[in-house]
C-alpha atoms as a PDB file:
ATOM      1  CA  MET A   1       0.000   0.000   0.000  1.00  0.00           C
ATOM      2  CA  GLU A   2       1.384   3.363  -0.999  1.00  0.00           C
ATOM      3  CA  LEU A   3       0.973   6.188   1.494  1.00  0.00           C
ATOM      4  CA  ARG A   4      -0.673   9.208  -0.063  1.00  0.00           C
ATOM      5  CA  ALA A   5       0.549  12.618   1.050  1.00  0.00           C
ATOM      6  CA  GLU A   6      -2.971  13.822   1.830  1.00  0.00           C
ATOM      7  CA  THR A   7      -3.591  10.793   4.063  1.00  0.00           C
ATOM      8  CA  PHE A   8      -0.304  11.325   5.867  1.00  0.00           C
ATOM      9  CA  PHE A   9      -0.793  15.037   6.487  1.00  0.00           C
ATOM     10  CA  LYS A  10      -4.410  14.522   7.518  1.00  0.00           C
ATOM     11  CA  ALA A  11      -3.124  12.117  10.178  1.00  0.00           C
ATOM     12  CA  LEU A  12      -0.687  14.778  11.416  1.00  0.00           C
ATOM     13  CA  ALA A  13      -3.351  17.494  11.465  1.00  0.00           C
ATOM     14  CA  ASP A  14      -4.966  16.242  14.668  1.00  0.00           C
ATOM     15  CA  PRO A  15      -3.125  17.407  17.827  1.00  0.00           C
ATOM     16  CA  THR A  16      -3.444  14.057  19.629  1.00  0.00           C
ATOM     17  CA  ARG A  17      -2.150  12.097  16.647  1.00  0.00           C
ATOM     18  CA  LEU A  18       0.668  14.596  16.060  1.00  0.00           C
ATOM     19  CA  ARG A  19       1.762  14.424  19.689  1.00  0.00           C
ATOM     20  CA  SER A  20       1.668  10.621  19.547  1.00  0.00           C
ATOM     21  CA  LEU A  21       3.735  10.551  16.361  1.00  0.00           C
ATOM     22  CA  VAL A  22       6.319  12.931  17.802  1.00  0.00           C
ATOM     23  CA  LEU A  23       6.802  10.589  20.769  1.00  0.00           C
ATOM     24  CA  LEU A  24       6.953   7.558  18.481  1.00  0.00           C
ATOM     25  CA  ALA A  25       9.572   9.317  16.341  1.00  0.00           C
ATOM     26  CA  GLN A  26      11.628   9.898  19.495  1.00  0.00           C
ATOM     27  CA  GLU A  27      11.216   6.358  20.875  1.00  0.00           C
ATOM     28  CA  ARG A  28      11.540   2.947  19.277  1.00  0.00           C
ATOM     29  CA  GLU A  29       8.019   1.974  20.283  1.00  0.00           C
ATOM     30  CA  LEU A  30       5.484   2.764  22.957  1.00  0.00           C
ATOM     31  CA  CYS A  31       2.674   0.930  24.661  1.00  0.00           C
ATOM     32  CA  VAL A  32      -0.816   2.421  24.676  1.00  0.00           C
ATOM     33  CA  CYS A  33      -0.461   2.992  28.428  1.00  0.00           C
ATOM     34  CA  GLU A  34       2.728   5.029  27.900  1.00  0.00           C
ATOM     35  CA  LEU A  35       1.063   7.244  25.312  1.00  0.00           C
ATOM     36  CA  ALA A  36      -2.033   7.717  27.483  1.00  0.00           C
ATOM     37  CA  ARG A  37       0.177   8.748  30.406  1.00  0.00           C
ATOM     38  CA  ALA A  38       2.422  11.050  28.368  1.00  0.00           C
ATOM     39  CA  LEU A  39      -0.496  12.847  26.700  1.00  0.00           C
ATOM     40  CA  ASP A  40      -2.667  12.759  29.841  1.00  0.00           C
ATOM     41  CA  ILE A  41      -5.661  11.315  28.017  1.00  0.00           C
ATOM     42  CA  VAL A  42      -7.798   8.270  28.676  1.00  0.00           C
ATOM     43  CA  GLN A  43      -6.905   4.947  27.077  1.00  0.00           C
ATOM     44  CA  PRO A  44     -10.021   4.690  24.831  1.00  0.00           C
ATOM     45  CA  LYS A  45      -9.268   8.088  23.264  1.00  0.00           C
ATOM     46  CA  ILE A  46      -5.609   7.324  22.517  1.00  0.00           C
ATOM     47  CA  SER A  47      -6.562   3.877  21.220  1.00  0.00           C
ATOM     48  CA  ARG A  48      -9.044   5.451  18.800  1.00  0.00           C
ATOM     49  CA  HIS A  49      -6.385   7.840  17.464  1.00  0.00           C
ATOM     50  CA  LEU A  50      -3.799   5.067  17.191  1.00  0.00           C
ATOM     51  CA  ALA A  51      -6.293   2.931  15.261  1.00  0.00           C
ATOM     52  CA  GLN A  52      -6.700   5.787  12.783  1.00  0.00           C
ATOM     53  CA  LEU A  53      -2.929   6.035  12.394  1.00  0.00           C
ATOM     54  CA  ARG A  54      -2.693   2.276  11.878  1.00  0.00           C
ATOM     55  CA  GLU A  55      -5.479   2.309   9.279  1.00  0.00           C
ATOM     56  CA  ALA A  56      -3.682   5.132   7.443  1.00  0.00           C
ATOM     57  CA  GLY A  57      -0.495   3.031   7.403  1.00  0.00           C
ATOM     58  CA  VAL A  58       1.523   5.475   9.495  1.00  0.00           C
ATOM     59  CA  VAL A  59       2.084   3.172  12.480  1.00  0.00           C
ATOM     60  CA  SER A  60       2.302  -0.565  12.971  1.00  0.00           C
ATOM     61  CA  THR A  61       1.690  -2.690  16.038  1.00  0.00           C
ATOM     62  CA  ARG A  62       2.928  -5.734  17.826  1.00  0.00           C
ATOM     63  CA  ARG A  63       1.256  -7.596  20.636  1.00  0.00           C
ATOM     64  CA  GLU A  64       3.088  -8.827  23.707  1.00  0.00           C
ATOM     65  CA  GLY A  65       0.711 -10.599  26.058  1.00  0.00           C
ATOM     66  CA  GLN A  66      -2.194  -8.272  26.685  1.00  0.00           C
ATOM     67  CA  TRP A  67      -0.279  -5.156  25.636  1.00  0.00           C
ATOM     68  CA  ILE A  68      -0.136  -3.582  22.196  1.00  0.00           C
ATOM     69  CA  TYR A  69       2.961  -1.639  21.233  1.00  0.00           C
ATOM     70  CA  TYR A  70       3.019   1.000  18.497  1.00  0.00           C
ATOM     71  CA  ARG A  71       5.892   2.133  16.321  1.00  0.00           C
ATOM     72  CA  LEU A  72       6.319   4.086  13.116  1.00  0.00           C
ATOM     73  CA  ASN A  73       5.511   1.821  10.199  1.00  0.00           C
ATOM     74  CA  SER A  74       8.746   0.473   8.721  1.00  0.00           C
ATOM     75  CA  ALA A  75       7.126   0.713   5.278  1.00  0.00           C
ATOM     76  CA  LEU A  76       6.750   4.501   5.506  1.00  0.00           C
ATOM     77  CA  PRO A  77       8.322   6.223   2.512  1.00  0.00           C
ATOM     78  CA  ALA A  78      11.542   8.126   3.173  1.00  0.00           C
ATOM     79  CA  TRP A  79       9.852  11.505   2.717  1.00  0.00           C
ATOM     80  CA  ALA A  80       7.287  10.703   5.448  1.00  0.00           C
ATOM     81  CA  LEU A  81      10.000   9.562   7.876  1.00  0.00           C
ATOM     82  CA  GLN A  82      11.965  12.751   7.183  1.00  0.00           C
ATOM     83  CA  VAL A  83       8.885  14.860   7.946  1.00  0.00           C
ATOM     84  CA  LEU A  84       8.247  13.026  11.223  1.00  0.00           C
ATOM     85  CA  ARG A  85      11.853  13.157  12.378  1.00  0.00           C
ATOM     86  CA  ALA A  86      12.255  16.823  11.469  1.00  0.00           C
ATOM     87  CA  THR A  87       9.004  17.659  13.224  1.00  0.00           C
ATOM     88  CA  ALA A  88      10.067  15.755  16.354  1.00  0.00           C
ATOM     89  CA  ARG A  89      13.383  17.649  16.430  1.00  0.00           C
ATOM     90  CA  GLY A  90      11.750  21.000  15.701  1.00  0.00           C
ATOM     91  CA  VAL A  91       9.085  20.829  18.399  1.00  0.00           C
ATOM     92  CA  ALA A  92      11.119  19.069  21.110  1.00  0.00           C
ATOM     93  CA  GLY A  93      11.350  22.186  23.303  1.00  0.00           C
ATOM     94  CA  GLN A  94       7.835  23.471  22.667  1.00  0.00           C
ATOM     95  CA  ALA A  95       4.627  22.966  24.610  1.00  0.00           C
ATOM     96  CA  PRO A  96       2.887  20.542  24.748  1.00  0.00           C
ATOM     97  CA  PHE A  97       5.627  18.293  23.342  1.00  0.00           C
ATOM     98  CA  VAL A  98       8.144  19.014  26.100  1.00  0.00           C
ATOM     99  CA  HIS A  99       5.497  18.209  28.720  1.00  0.00           C
ATOM    100  CA  ASP A 100       4.632  14.953  26.900  1.00  0.00           C
ATOM    101  CA  ARG A 101       8.297  13.952  27.009  1.00  0.00           C
ATOM    102  CA  GLU A 102       8.606  14.833  30.706  1.00  0.00           C
ATOM    103  CA  SER A 103       5.436  12.876  31.549  1.00  0.00           C
ATOM    104  CA  LEU A 104       6.719   9.848  29.681  1.00  0.00           C
ATOM    105  CA  ASP A 105      10.157  10.064  31.290  1.00  0.00           C
ATOM    106  CA  SER A 106       8.637  10.297  34.780  1.00  0.00           C
ATOM    107  CA  MET A 107       6.248   7.376  34.298  1.00  0.00           C
ATOM    108  CA  PRO A 108       6.772   4.789  37.014  1.00  0.00           C
ATOM    109  CA  ASP A 109       6.832   1.123  36.024  1.00  0.00           C
ATOM    110  CA  ARG A 110       7.218   1.725  32.319  1.00  0.00           C
ATOM    111  CA  PRO A 111       6.671  -1.390  30.206  1.00  0.00           C
ATOM    112  CA  GLY A 112       9.282  -4.039  29.982  1.00  0.00           C
ATOM    113  CA  ALA A 113       8.547  -6.400  32.820  1.00  0.00           C
ATOM    114  CA  SER A 114       4.969  -5.224  33.292  1.00  0.00           C
ATOM    115  CA  CYS A 115       2.874  -2.463  31.870  1.00  0.00           C
ATOM    116  CA  CYS A 116       0.540  -0.130  33.671  1.00  0.00           C
ATOM    117  CA  VAL A 117      -0.579  -2.571  36.318  1.00  0.00           C
END
């Protein structure tokens, strides 16, 4: 499936999806619970936005036990990856992105052994 520019930029146009993608561009992958904590939104809302990103082909998932982990889709075209990485670098010190990063970094019991118990 080829990613269309309008689909990609429509995905970035929503603040919740953009904030999620910035964190995913900074990290290898994140669990739904990590994104919910970092963005300070409830799990059903972040899951809905992540489903839209997955349907658009921007992110991919893997399941580990009961947890679903999200990452940037490895099949993203180079231009889309460049946009995401440049955006992540450019907004790193701006609100709300800096707060998202701080919230993620201060999350106790981040996934690995157990997630969000």
